[in-house]
Amino acid sequence: MLYISYGSVCELETQILLAEDLDLIEKGVLGTLKKDIAESERMLKALIKSLENKPLNPWTLESLDPLLQLNWRRTIQ
């Protein structure tokens, strides 16, 4: 899900750059947008990286109800 969010930020950045090339945005607004987009990009990258380095959830399938275990296994196959 975070990768989709990151892709959306990159898409927004592309749209802003196109708007800049076509002179559709005032220069003052453009600078603020670029700065905000860059900050969002950095924060998402940091969050993704921190979550990739964390171990998986400590709970196991054995702690679940047997019926839930069966449904869980069906969804991940």
C-alpha atoms as a PDB file:
ATOM      1  CA  MET A   1       0.000   0.000   0.000  1.00  0.00           C
ATOM      2  CA  LEU A   2       2.835   2.397   0.778  1.00  0.00           C
ATOM      3  CA  TYR A   3       4.385   1.709  -2.603  1.00  0.00           C
ATOM      4  CA  ILE A   4       1.133   2.825  -4.226  1.00  0.00           C
ATOM      5  CA  SER A   5       1.243   6.004  -2.153  1.00  0.00           C
ATOM      6  CA  TYR A   6       4.830   6.609  -3.215  1.00  0.00           C
ATOM      7  CA  GLY A   7       3.867   6.094  -6.847  1.00  0.00           C
ATOM      8  CA  SER A   8       1.066   8.622  -6.443  1.00  0.00           C
ATOM      9  CA  VAL A   9       3.479  11.189  -5.015  1.00  0.00           C
ATOM     10  CA  CYS A  10       5.782  10.637  -7.996  1.00  0.00           C
ATOM     11  CA  GLU A  11       2.831  11.021 -10.358  1.00  0.00           C
ATOM     12  CA  LEU A  12       1.855  14.265  -8.658  1.00  0.00           C
ATOM     13  CA  GLU A  13       5.425  15.506  -9.014  1.00  0.00           C
ATOM     14  CA  THR A  14       5.283  14.758 -12.739  1.00  0.00           C
ATOM     15  CA  GLN A  15       2.023  16.677 -13.096  1.00  0.00           C
ATOM     16  CA  ILE A  16       3.509  19.663 -11.257  1.00  0.00           C
ATOM     17  CA  LEU A  17       6.576  19.632 -13.506  1.00  0.00           C
ATOM     18  CA  LEU A  18       4.350  19.546 -16.570  1.00  0.00           C
ATOM     19  CA  ALA A  19       2.285  22.430 -15.223  1.00  0.00           C
ATOM     20  CA  GLU A  20       5.531  24.342 -14.694  1.00  0.00           C
ATOM     21  CA  ASP A  21       6.640  23.709 -18.282  1.00  0.00           C
ATOM     22  CA  LEU A  22       3.267  24.936 -19.550  1.00  0.00           C
ATOM     23  CA  ASP A  23       3.305  28.005 -17.252  1.00  0.00           C
ATOM     24  CA  LEU A  24       0.048  26.974 -15.580  1.00  0.00           C
ATOM     25  CA  ILE A  25       1.225  27.609 -12.007  1.00  0.00           C
ATOM     26  CA  GLU A  26       2.566  30.775 -10.433  1.00  0.00           C
ATOM     27  CA  LYS A  27       6.250  30.594  -9.464  1.00  0.00           C
ATOM     28  CA  GLY A  28       5.573  31.185  -5.751  1.00  0.00           C
ATOM     29  CA  VAL A  29       3.017  28.406  -5.573  1.00  0.00           C
ATOM     30  CA  LEU A  30       5.258  26.142  -7.615  1.00  0.00           C
ATOM     31  CA  GLY A  31       8.132  26.389  -5.149  1.00  0.00           C
ATOM     32  CA  THR A  32       5.865  25.552  -2.221  1.00  0.00           C
ATOM     33  CA  LEU A  33       4.372  22.557  -4.058  1.00  0.00           C
ATOM     34  CA  LYS A  34       7.776  21.189  -5.014  1.00  0.00           C
ATOM     35  CA  LYS A  35       8.990  21.512  -1.430  1.00  0.00           C
ATOM     36  CA  ASP A  36       5.883  19.775  -0.038  1.00  0.00           C
ATOM     37  CA  ILE A  37       6.109  16.970  -2.572  1.00  0.00           C
ATOM     38  CA  ALA A  38       9.797  16.405  -1.824  1.00  0.00           C
ATOM     39  CA  GLU A  39       9.056  16.263   1.906  1.00  0.00           C
ATOM     40  CA  SER A  40       6.227  13.755   1.366  1.00  0.00           C
ATOM     41  CA  GLU A  41       8.514  11.659  -0.803  1.00  0.00           C
ATOM     42  CA  ARG A  42      11.256  11.611   1.844  1.00  0.00           C
ATOM     43  CA  MET A  43       8.816  10.694   4.616  1.00  0.00           C
ATOM     44  CA  LEU A  44       7.273   7.849   2.607  1.00  0.00           C
ATOM     45  CA  LYS A  45      10.698   6.468   1.687  1.00  0.00           C
ATOM     46  CA  ALA A  46      11.754   6.550   5.338  1.00  0.00           C
ATOM     47  CA  LEU A  47       8.552   4.840   6.470  1.00  0.00           C
ATOM     48  CA  ILE A  48       8.858   2.133   3.819  1.00  0.00           C
ATOM     49  CA  LYS A  49      12.497   1.527   4.710  1.00  0.00           C
ATOM     50  CA  SER A  50      11.776   1.353   8.448  1.00  0.00           C
ATOM     51  CA  LEU A  51       8.936  -1.125   7.940  1.00  0.00           C
ATOM     52  CA  GLU A  52      11.039  -3.294   5.621  1.00  0.00           C
ATOM     53  CA  ASN A  53      13.676  -3.593   8.366  1.00  0.00           C
ATOM     54  CA  LYS A  54      11.207  -4.635  11.080  1.00  0.00           C
ATOM     55  CA  PRO A  55      10.544  -8.290  11.808  1.00  0.00           C
ATOM     56  CA  LEU A  56       7.116  -9.670  10.999  1.00  0.00           C
ATOM     57  CA  ASN A  57       4.304  -9.585  13.520  1.00  0.00           C
ATOM     58  CA  PRO A  58       5.087 -11.746  16.581  1.00  0.00           C
ATOM     59  CA  TRP A  59       1.757 -13.600  16.585  1.00  0.00           C
ATOM     60  CA  THR A  60       1.599 -16.956  14.864  1.00  0.00           C
ATOM     61  CA  LEU A  61      -1.110 -18.949  13.166  1.00  0.00           C
ATOM     62  CA  GLU A  62      -1.100 -21.373  16.085  1.00  0.00           C
ATOM     63  CA  SER A  63      -2.525 -18.650  18.337  1.00  0.00           C
ATOM     64  CA  LEU A  64      -5.543 -18.236  16.054  1.00  0.00           C
ATOM     65  CA  ASP A  65      -8.807 -20.098  16.186  1.00  0.00           C
ATOM     66  CA  PRO A  66      -8.617 -23.226  13.936  1.00  0.00           C
ATOM     67  CA  LEU A  67     -11.321 -21.874  11.604  1.00  0.00           C
ATOM     68  CA  LEU A  68      -9.437 -18.617  11.233  1.00  0.00           C
ATOM     69  CA  GLN A  69      -6.261 -20.568  10.469  1.00  0.00           C
ATOM     70  CA  LEU A  70      -8.017 -22.358   7.624  1.00  0.00           C
ATOM     71  CA  ASN A  71      -9.381 -19.112   6.144  1.00  0.00           C
ATOM     72  CA  TRP A  72      -5.988 -17.422   6.532  1.00  0.00           C
ATOM     73  CA  ARG A  73      -4.205 -20.211   4.682  1.00  0.00           C
ATOM     74  CA  ARG A  74      -6.774 -20.046   1.858  1.00  0.00           C
ATOM     75  CA  THR A  75      -6.247 -16.324   1.382  1.00  0.00           C
ATOM     76  CA  ILE A  76      -2.446 -16.503   1.206  1.00  0.00           C
ATOM     77  CA  GLN A  77      -2.336 -19.388  -1.286  1.00  0.00           C
END
